[in-house]
């Protein structure tokens, strides 16, 4: 393959930046890594990174392979033909035009219909909708101090743990922009800390997209993982790996997700810090549920046993890292909660009942985790055919986290109750409150 042309100097042409941005957008929408795209066209992952940054101009043959792989028109990727701009268009207008083009490319490559400017009622209810703008149409952002950035991130995390997803969705675009601007303005150790904040902000964005069952989780987690790797913080990398694995599981790749979680947990468990080992335990819990979803019973039970053993070990050592973890704690209550979900997906929900009965929901640390308890119990009782207890679990979830019962999966569960042969008082009202038809 002919050699590519490396851009000279710090100045990068508008055309090359546009080409790189379009490639990155389409790659993320296609759920491909830089390694995978590079393998197709004979480049390394770092070379693809330079192409996407506009610092490396691919050869014509490479552009052809990239265009075919990403479903793009070749003429839209040729330098100088990316976007035709009128001579009197300002730089701000150029940026707006490019952002609109990227938004169209990303949505089209993901197989999503592009919405008209007047968004529908359904779209306005999707708290993750703002993430699309943060990805493809970011507004101007100014750097802030690290102290302000940490406080902003803590506020966004509080929205998530309190299950205030609309508030989180409203705060994320500004947070993501400010975090990246702050990172770009710093250097040295301060920049690494800012990168960790960028990664955790994108972790929250991915969590929100997963709650909404939105495909935007893929490009969001790509940003989270890139920032986590650049930060050099193994704990933050573990947090990003967890949401990546959940995204992979949702896309029908549970075996690869379990492998990723195993490897990342093993790496973290070698660390001396309690937080690293606690994050490793949460990765094993996620791996166990993921294995259960693919009916790998022995793997699911082994992974749960490993996670439980790690949590007990941390408890015996007097470690209490739970409050320092980002979205999921490593506690005995958390282990019991995952046992409910694992047994339910394995088709043995009756084995989950004892775990559900010994959990005191109020001891779960956040509204989001309490809602997860209600959700998992609802699924467990539903699989056991107990409609009244299923409804009671859904009502509990609505009580602790009203926005949680509006998630697609719980609305589907409500719909099952609504049309079940057994009439349960209150279901019709719940369906009306959550928009189930």
Protein backbone atom coordinates (compact mmCIF):
# COMPACT_ATOMS: atom_id res chain seq x y z
CA UNK A 1 0.00 0.00 0.00
CA UNK A 2 1.36 3.42 -0.91
CA UNK A 3 2.58 5.61 1.92
CA UNK A 4 0.22 8.20 3.34
CA UNK A 5 1.09 11.86 3.51
CA UNK A 6 1.77 13.35 6.96
CA UNK A 7 0.72 16.97 7.38
CA UNK A 8 3.57 19.39 7.97
CA UNK A 9 3.59 21.91 10.79
CA UNK A 10 0.89 22.70 13.29
CA UNK A 11 -1.60 24.01 10.76
CA UNK A 12 -4.11 21.42 9.60
CA UNK A 13 -6.19 22.18 6.53
CA UNK A 14 -9.93 22.59 6.95
CA UNK A 15 -10.51 19.83 4.41
CA UNK A 16 -8.36 17.30 6.27
CA UNK A 17 -10.01 18.10 9.58
CA UNK A 18 -13.39 17.68 7.97
CA UNK A 19 -12.38 14.36 6.42
CA UNK A 20 -11.03 13.13 9.77
CA UNK A 21 -14.11 14.26 11.67
CA UNK A 22 -16.43 12.53 9.20
CA UNK A 23 -14.40 9.30 9.42
CA UNK A 24 -14.44 9.35 13.22
CA UNK A 25 -18.18 10.07 13.34
CA UNK A 26 -19.02 7.28 10.91
CA UNK A 27 -16.65 4.84 12.64
CA UNK A 28 -18.24 5.46 16.05
CA UNK A 29 -21.73 5.18 14.59
CA UNK A 30 -20.71 1.86 13.00
CA UNK A 31 -19.47 0.70 16.42
CA UNK A 32 -15.93 0.09 15.20
CA UNK A 33 -12.70 0.70 17.08
CA UNK A 34 -9.69 2.41 15.56
CA UNK A 35 -7.95 -0.97 15.63
CA UNK A 36 -10.73 -2.60 13.59
CA UNK A 37 -10.83 0.17 10.99
CA UNK A 38 -7.05 0.19 10.75
CA UNK A 39 -7.00 -3.55 10.15
CA UNK A 40 -9.28 -3.11 7.13
CA UNK A 41 -7.12 -0.47 5.46
CA UNK A 42 -3.69 -1.60 6.64
CA UNK A 43 -3.12 1.13 9.22
CA UNK A 44 -2.26 1.00 12.90
CA UNK A 45 -4.71 2.35 15.45
CA UNK A 46 -2.41 5.33 16.04
CA UNK A 47 -2.41 6.08 12.30
CA UNK A 48 -6.22 6.04 12.25
CA UNK A 49 -6.12 8.41 15.24
CA UNK A 50 -3.93 10.82 13.24
CA UNK A 51 -6.24 10.52 10.23
CA UNK A 52 -9.24 11.41 12.40
CA UNK A 53 -7.35 14.36 13.91
CA UNK A 54 -6.55 15.64 10.41
CA UNK A 55 -2.80 15.18 10.82
CA UNK A 56 -2.47 12.29 8.36
CA UNK A 57 -3.87 12.27 4.84
CA UNK A 58 -4.74 8.74 3.67
CA UNK A 59 -3.85 7.52 0.20
CA UNK A 60 -6.58 7.19 -2.43
CA UNK A 61 -6.57 3.39 -1.97
CA UNK A 62 -6.96 3.75 1.80
CA UNK A 63 -9.78 6.27 1.38
CA UNK A 64 -11.58 3.81 -0.87
CA UNK A 65 -11.31 1.05 1.73
CA UNK A 66 -12.40 3.39 4.53
CA UNK A 67 -15.37 4.65 2.50
CA UNK A 68 -16.51 1.11 1.67
CA UNK A 69 -16.12 -0.04 5.27
CA UNK A 70 -18.01 2.91 6.76
CA UNK A 71 -20.66 3.17 4.05
CA UNK A 72 -19.52 6.63 2.93
CA UNK A 73 -19.27 8.10 -0.57
CA UNK A 74 -15.67 8.25 -1.73
CA UNK A 75 -16.05 11.73 -3.22
CA UNK A 76 -17.11 13.04 0.20
CA UNK A 77 -13.74 11.96 1.60
CA UNK A 78 -11.43 13.25 -1.12
CA UNK A 79 -9.46 16.26 0.10
CA UNK A 80 -10.84 19.50 -1.21
CA UNK A 81 -14.26 17.99 -1.97
CA UNK A 82 -15.54 17.38 1.54
CA UNK A 83 -17.68 20.47 1.85
CA UNK A 84 -18.28 23.21 -0.70
CA UNK A 85 -18.37 26.56 1.04
CA UNK A 86 -19.34 29.93 -0.37
CA UNK A 87 -16.60 32.53 -0.35
CA UNK A 88 -18.46 34.77 2.07
CA UNK A 89 -19.26 32.09 4.65
CA UNK A 90 -17.79 32.97 8.05
CA UNK A 91 -15.76 30.55 10.18
CA UNK A 92 -18.67 30.24 12.61
CA UNK A 93 -20.95 29.30 9.75
CA UNK A 94 -18.36 26.81 8.50
CA UNK A 95 -18.33 25.20 11.93
CA UNK A 96 -22.11 25.03 12.09
CA UNK A 97 -22.29 23.52 8.61
CA UNK A 98 -19.67 20.94 9.50
CA UNK A 99 -21.42 20.02 12.73
CA UNK A 100 -24.70 19.54 10.87
CA UNK A 101 -22.93 17.36 8.30
CA UNK A 102 -21.33 15.26 11.04
CA UNK A 103 -24.67 14.88 12.77
CA UNK A 104 -26.23 13.64 9.52
CA UNK A 105 -23.33 11.25 8.86
CA UNK A 106 -23.40 9.83 12.38
CA UNK A 107 -27.13 9.31 12.48
CA UNK A 108 -27.23 7.83 8.97
CA UNK A 109 -24.35 5.44 9.65
CA UNK A 110 -26.06 4.29 12.83
CA UNK A 111 -29.22 3.59 10.86
CA UNK A 112 -31.20 6.26 12.70
CA UNK A 113 -33.65 8.50 10.90
CA UNK A 114 -32.66 12.16 11.17
CA UNK A 115 -35.35 14.08 13.04
CA UNK A 116 -36.78 17.33 11.71
CA UNK A 117 -35.98 20.51 13.59
CA UNK A 118 -39.23 20.33 15.51
CA UNK A 119 -38.52 17.34 17.71
CA UNK A 120 -41.32 14.98 18.59
CA UNK A 121 -42.73 14.52 22.05
CA UNK A 122 -41.02 11.15 22.30
CA UNK A 123 -37.64 12.65 21.47
CA UNK A 124 -38.08 15.39 24.06
CA UNK A 125 -38.64 12.74 26.73
CA UNK A 126 -35.34 11.02 25.92
CA UNK A 127 -32.87 12.42 28.43
CA UNK A 128 -29.97 11.10 26.34
CA UNK A 129 -30.86 13.24 23.32
CA UNK A 130 -28.46 15.98 24.39
CA UNK A 131 -25.55 13.57 24.08
CA UNK A 132 -25.96 13.60 20.29
CA UNK A 133 -25.40 17.34 20.30
CA UNK A 134 -22.38 17.00 22.58
CA UNK A 135 -20.91 14.45 20.18
CA UNK A 136 -21.60 16.05 16.83
CA UNK A 137 -22.70 19.65 17.48
CA UNK A 138 -20.76 20.84 20.55
CA UNK A 139 -21.23 24.45 21.49
CA UNK A 140 -18.36 26.80 22.40
CA UNK A 141 -16.88 26.00 25.81
CA UNK A 142 -14.47 27.76 28.13
CA UNK A 143 -12.03 26.04 30.49
CA UNK A 144 -12.71 26.13 34.21
CA UNK A 145 -10.54 25.41 37.22
CA UNK A 146 -10.01 21.80 38.25
CA UNK A 147 -11.89 22.52 41.45
CA UNK A 148 -14.89 23.81 39.49
CA UNK A 149 -14.68 20.86 37.10
CA UNK A 150 -14.66 18.34 39.94
CA UNK A 151 -17.66 20.05 41.54
CA UNK A 152 -19.54 20.06 38.20
CA UNK A 153 -18.78 16.37 37.72
CA UNK A 154 -19.91 15.59 41.28
CA UNK A 155 -23.19 17.38 40.60
CA UNK A 156 -23.76 15.35 37.42
CA UNK A 157 -22.95 12.14 39.29
CA UNK A 158 -25.49 13.14 41.95
CA UNK A 159 -28.11 13.52 39.23
CA UNK A 160 -27.35 9.98 38.07
CA UNK A 161 -27.28 8.34 41.49
CA UNK A 162 -30.52 10.13 42.39
CA UNK A 163 -32.07 8.84 39.13
CA UNK A 164 -32.74 12.39 37.92
CA UNK A 165 -32.00 11.53 34.31
CA UNK A 166 -33.62 14.60 32.74
CA UNK A 167 -31.42 16.83 34.91
CA UNK A 168 -28.37 14.76 34.02
CA UNK A 169 -29.18 14.97 30.32
CA UNK A 170 -29.53 18.74 30.58
CA UNK A 171 -26.20 19.17 32.41
CA UNK A 172 -24.06 16.81 30.34
CA UNK A 173 -23.49 18.89 27.16
CA UNK A 174 -22.09 21.80 29.17
CA UNK A 175 -20.04 19.53 31.41
CA UNK A 176 -18.58 17.57 28.51
CA UNK A 177 -17.60 20.73 26.67
CA UNK A 178 -16.07 22.41 29.72
CA UNK A 179 -14.19 19.25 30.71
CA UNK A 180 -12.60 18.94 27.27
CA UNK A 181 -11.78 22.66 27.11
CA UNK A 182 -10.17 22.46 30.55
CA UNK A 183 -8.16 19.41 29.54
CA UNK A 184 -6.93 21.15 26.39
CA UNK A 185 -5.82 24.20 28.40
CA UNK A 186 -3.73 22.25 30.94
CA UNK A 187 -0.53 20.25 30.89
CA UNK A 188 1.29 17.68 33.00
CA UNK A 189 -0.41 16.06 35.96
CA UNK A 190 -3.24 18.61 35.95
CA UNK A 191 -4.09 17.61 32.39
CA UNK A 192 -4.19 13.92 33.36
CA UNK A 193 -6.61 14.72 36.16
CA UNK A 194 -8.76 16.71 33.76
CA UNK A 195 -8.70 13.77 31.33
CA UNK A 196 -10.01 11.54 34.11
CA UNK A 197 -12.87 14.01 34.57
CA UNK A 198 -13.53 13.94 30.81
CA UNK A 199 -13.63 10.13 30.92
CA UNK A 200 -16.01 10.04 33.87
CA UNK A 201 -18.31 12.60 32.24
CA UNK A 202 -18.50 10.35 29.16
CA UNK A 203 -19.07 7.34 31.44
CA UNK A 204 -22.14 9.15 32.79
CA UNK A 205 -23.21 9.94 29.22
CA UNK A 206 -22.90 6.25 28.33
CA UNK A 207 -24.82 5.18 31.42
CA UNK A 208 -27.60 7.59 30.46
CA UNK A 209 -27.68 6.33 26.87
CA UNK A 210 -27.83 2.73 28.12
CA UNK A 211 -30.76 3.62 30.37
CA UNK A 212 -32.56 4.92 27.28
CA UNK A 213 -31.50 1.92 25.16
CA UNK A 214 -29.95 4.42 22.75
CA UNK A 215 -27.32 3.57 20.12
CA UNK A 216 -25.54 6.80 21.03
CA UNK A 217 -23.94 4.73 23.81
CA UNK A 218 -21.36 3.51 21.27
CA UNK A 219 -19.77 6.85 20.35
CA UNK A 220 -20.14 8.01 23.96
CA UNK A 221 -18.25 5.04 25.37
CA UNK A 222 -15.61 5.43 22.65
CA UNK A 223 -14.93 8.93 24.01
CA UNK A 224 -14.92 7.63 27.59
CA UNK A 225 -12.42 4.89 26.86
CA UNK A 226 -10.08 7.18 24.88
CA UNK A 227 -10.01 9.74 27.68
CA UNK A 228 -9.59 7.05 30.36
CA UNK A 229 -6.61 5.55 28.54
CA UNK A 230 -5.04 8.97 28.12
CA UNK A 231 -5.50 9.75 31.82
CA UNK A 232 -3.35 6.81 32.90
CA UNK A 233 -5.74 6.16 35.81
CA UNK A 234 -6.42 2.42 36.02
CA UNK A 235 -9.55 2.93 38.14
CA UNK A 236 -11.10 5.31 35.62
CA UNK A 237 -10.11 2.89 32.85
CA UNK A 238 -11.97 0.14 34.73
CA UNK A 239 -15.08 2.32 34.98
CA UNK A 240 -14.99 2.98 31.24
CA UNK A 241 -14.41 -0.71 30.50
CA UNK A 242 -17.53 -1.58 32.51
CA UNK A 243 -19.86 0.62 30.45
CA UNK A 244 -18.14 -0.54 27.25
CA UNK A 245 -18.88 -4.16 28.20
CA UNK A 246 -22.53 -3.35 28.92
CA UNK A 247 -22.77 -1.66 25.52
CA UNK A 248 -21.21 -4.73 23.91
CA UNK A 249 -23.66 -7.03 25.71
CA UNK A 250 -26.61 -4.95 24.55
CA UNK A 251 -25.31 -5.32 20.99
CA UNK A 252 -25.17 -9.11 21.10
CA UNK A 253 -21.49 -9.60 21.99
CA UNK A 254 -21.66 -11.02 25.53
CA UNK A 255 -18.66 -13.37 25.20
CA UNK A 256 -16.35 -10.54 24.14
CA UNK A 257 -17.78 -8.37 26.93
CA UNK A 258 -17.08 -11.04 29.56
CA UNK A 259 -13.52 -11.45 28.27
CA UNK A 260 -12.94 -7.69 28.47
CA UNK A 261 -14.29 -7.54 32.02
CA UNK A 262 -12.23 -10.52 33.16
CA UNK A 263 -9.00 -9.05 31.81
CA UNK A 264 -9.65 -5.59 33.21
CA UNK A 265 -10.66 -6.97 36.62
CA UNK A 266 -7.53 -9.12 36.75
CA UNK A 267 -5.38 -6.10 35.99
CA UNK A 268 -7.08 -3.98 38.65
CA UNK A 269 -6.96 -6.72 41.30
CA UNK A 270 -3.17 -6.69 41.06
CA UNK A 271 -3.15 -3.15 42.39
CA UNK A 272 -2.53 -2.40 46.03
CA UNK A 273 -5.32 0.09 46.49
CA UNK A 274 -8.70 -0.83 47.96
CA UNK A 275 -10.47 1.24 45.32
CA UNK A 276 -8.80 -0.67 42.47
CA UNK A 277 -9.81 -4.00 44.00
CA UNK A 278 -13.35 -2.75 44.64
CA UNK A 279 -13.72 -1.68 41.02
CA UNK A 280 -12.42 -5.12 40.00
CA UNK A 281 -15.19 -6.69 42.08
CA UNK A 282 -17.85 -4.58 40.34
CA UNK A 283 -16.44 -5.67 36.97
CA UNK A 284 -16.80 -9.31 37.99
CA UNK A 285 -20.42 -8.65 38.99
CA UNK A 286 -21.13 -7.13 35.59
CA UNK A 287 -19.31 -10.02 33.91
CA UNK A 288 -21.43 -12.53 35.83
CA UNK A 289 -24.68 -10.91 34.73
CA UNK A 290 -23.38 -10.69 31.16
CA UNK A 291 -22.46 -14.38 31.16
CA UNK A 292 -25.90 -15.18 32.54
CA UNK A 293 -27.55 -13.26 29.70
CA UNK A 294 -25.83 -15.63 27.24
CA UNK A 295 -26.87 -18.65 29.33
CA UNK A 296 -23.26 -19.47 30.29
CA UNK A 297 -24.36 -20.81 33.66
CA UNK A 298 -21.04 -22.08 34.98
CA UNK A 299 -19.24 -18.86 34.02
CA UNK A 300 -21.95 -16.72 35.59
CA UNK A 301 -21.86 -18.62 38.89
CA UNK A 302 -18.05 -18.72 38.97
CA UNK A 303 -17.82 -14.98 38.33
CA UNK A 304 -20.40 -14.25 41.04
CA UNK A 305 -18.46 -16.40 43.47
CA UNK A 306 -15.26 -14.53 42.59
CA UNK A 307 -16.91 -11.15 43.07
CA UNK A 308 -18.43 -12.21 46.38
CA UNK A 309 -15.07 -13.48 47.59
CA UNK A 310 -13.40 -10.18 46.70
CA UNK A 311 -16.08 -8.15 48.49
CA UNK A 312 -15.76 -10.34 51.61
CA UNK A 313 -11.98 -9.95 51.53
CA UNK A 314 -12.28 -6.17 51.34
CA UNK A 315 -14.74 -6.22 54.23
CA UNK A 316 -12.45 -8.41 56.35
CA UNK A 317 -9.63 -5.95 55.78
CA UNK A 318 -11.84 -3.14 57.03
CA UNK A 319 -11.81 -1.42 53.64
CA UNK A 320 -14.76 0.81 52.87
CA UNK A 321 -14.14 2.08 49.35
CA UNK A 322 -17.81 2.06 48.37
CA UNK A 323 -18.38 5.80 48.67
CA UNK A 324 -15.35 6.48 46.46
CA UNK A 325 -16.58 4.40 43.53
CA UNK A 326 -18.25 6.22 40.70
CA UNK A 327 -21.57 4.55 39.88
CA UNK A 328 -21.61 1.04 41.43
CA UNK A 329 -20.52 -0.03 44.93
CA UNK A 330 -18.69 -3.18 46.02
CA UNK A 331 -20.76 -4.25 49.03
CA UNK A 332 -22.55 -7.37 50.22
CA UNK A 333 -25.91 -5.75 49.36
CA UNK A 334 -24.66 -5.15 45.84
CA UNK A 335 -23.63 -8.78 45.52
CA UNK A 336 -27.09 -9.93 46.66
CA UNK A 337 -28.65 -7.54 44.15
CA UNK A 338 -26.64 -9.08 41.31
CA UNK A 339 -27.55 -12.59 42.45
CA UNK A 340 -31.21 -11.69 41.81
CA UNK A 341 -30.47 -10.58 38.27
CA UNK A 342 -28.15 -13.48 37.48
CA UNK A 343 -30.64 -16.12 38.63
CA UNK A 344 -33.45 -14.40 36.72
CA UNK A 345 -31.59 -14.34 33.38
CA UNK A 346 -30.42 -17.92 33.94
CA UNK A 347 -34.06 -19.03 34.18
CA UNK A 348 -33.95 -19.88 37.89
CA UNK A 349 -35.71 -16.85 39.38
CA UNK A 350 -36.88 -18.86 42.39
CA UNK A 351 -33.21 -19.07 43.47
CA UNK A 352 -33.14 -15.28 43.50
CA UNK A 353 -36.01 -14.93 45.98
CA UNK A 354 -33.89 -15.51 49.15
CA UNK A 355 -31.46 -12.79 48.05
CA UNK A 356 -34.33 -10.38 47.40
CA UNK A 357 -35.78 -11.10 50.84
CA UNK A 358 -32.57 -10.43 52.71
CA UNK A 359 -31.91 -7.05 51.09
CA UNK A 360 -33.08 -3.99 52.97
CA UNK A 361 -33.66 -1.54 50.11
CA UNK A 362 -32.93 1.46 52.31
CA UNK A 363 -29.38 0.18 52.85
CA UNK A 364 -28.67 0.47 49.15
CA UNK A 365 -26.77 3.76 48.93
CA UNK A 366 -28.53 5.61 46.11
CA UNK A 367 -31.93 5.99 44.53
CA UNK A 368 -30.53 4.54 41.30
CA UNK A 369 -29.42 1.36 43.09
CA UNK A 370 -32.72 1.13 44.99
CA UNK A 371 -34.50 1.42 41.66
CA UNK A 372 -32.29 -1.35 40.32
CA UNK A 373 -33.48 -3.51 43.23
CA UNK A 374 -37.10 -2.78 42.36
CA UNK A 375 -36.43 -3.46 38.67
CA UNK A 376 -34.68 -6.78 39.28
CA UNK A 377 -37.38 -7.90 41.70
CA UNK A 378 -40.07 -6.95 39.16
CA UNK A 379 -38.36 -9.08 36.51
CA UNK A 380 -37.89 -11.94 38.98
CA UNK A 381 -41.56 -11.97 40.06
CA UNK A 382 -42.68 -11.56 36.46
CA UNK A 383 -40.72 -14.66 35.45
CA UNK A 384 -42.30 -16.49 38.37
CA UNK A 385 -45.75 -15.50 37.12
CA UNK A 386 -46.62 -13.42 40.20
CA UNK A 387 -48.32 -10.38 38.67
CA UNK A 388 -49.21 -8.69 41.95
CA UNK A 389 -45.65 -8.78 43.28
CA UNK A 390 -44.36 -7.66 39.90
CA UNK A 391 -46.62 -4.62 40.12
CA UNK A 392 -45.58 -3.98 43.73
CA UNK A 393 -41.92 -3.97 42.65
CA UNK A 394 -42.67 -1.55 39.83
CA UNK A 395 -44.55 0.74 42.20
CA UNK A 396 -41.58 0.66 44.58
CA UNK A 397 -39.32 1.63 41.69
CA UNK A 398 -41.63 4.49 40.77
CA UNK A 399 -41.65 5.67 44.39
CA UNK A 400 -37.86 5.86 44.74
CA UNK A 401 -37.08 6.91 41.16
CA UNK A 402 -40.06 8.10 39.09
CA UNK A 403 -38.00 8.49 35.91
CA UNK A 404 -36.77 4.90 36.09
CA UNK A 405 -40.17 3.35 35.31
CA UNK A 406 -40.28 5.35 32.07
CA UNK A 407 -37.29 3.44 30.71
CA UNK A 408 -38.14 1.26 27.65
CA UNK A 409 -37.55 -2.06 29.42
CA UNK A 410 -39.80 -1.20 32.38
CA UNK A 411 -42.49 0.22 30.15
CA UNK A 412 -42.48 -3.12 28.32
CA UNK A 413 -42.89 -4.90 31.65
CA UNK A 414 -45.79 -2.60 32.53
CA UNK A 415 -47.36 -3.36 29.15
CA UNK A 416 -47.14 -7.10 29.88
CA UNK A 417 -49.04 -6.55 33.12
CA UNK A 418 -51.58 -4.32 31.39
CA UNK A 419 -52.51 -7.05 28.92
CA UNK A 420 -52.07 -10.02 31.26
CA UNK A 421 -55.07 -12.33 31.80
CA UNK A 422 -55.04 -11.41 35.51
CA UNK A 423 -56.23 -7.90 36.35
CA UNK A 424 -54.04 -6.14 38.91
CA UNK A 425 -55.51 -2.96 40.45
CA UNK A 426 -53.40 0.09 39.69
CA UNK A 427 -51.66 -1.21 36.58
CA UNK A 428 -53.77 0.84 34.20
CA UNK A 429 -52.95 4.01 36.13
CA UNK A 430 -49.23 3.17 36.12
CA UNK A 431 -49.40 2.57 32.37
CA UNK A 432 -51.03 5.97 31.88
CA UNK A 433 -48.39 7.72 34.01
CA UNK A 434 -45.52 6.12 32.09
CA UNK A 435 -46.94 6.50 28.58
CA UNK A 436 -47.65 2.80 27.96
CA UNK A 437 -50.29 2.21 25.31
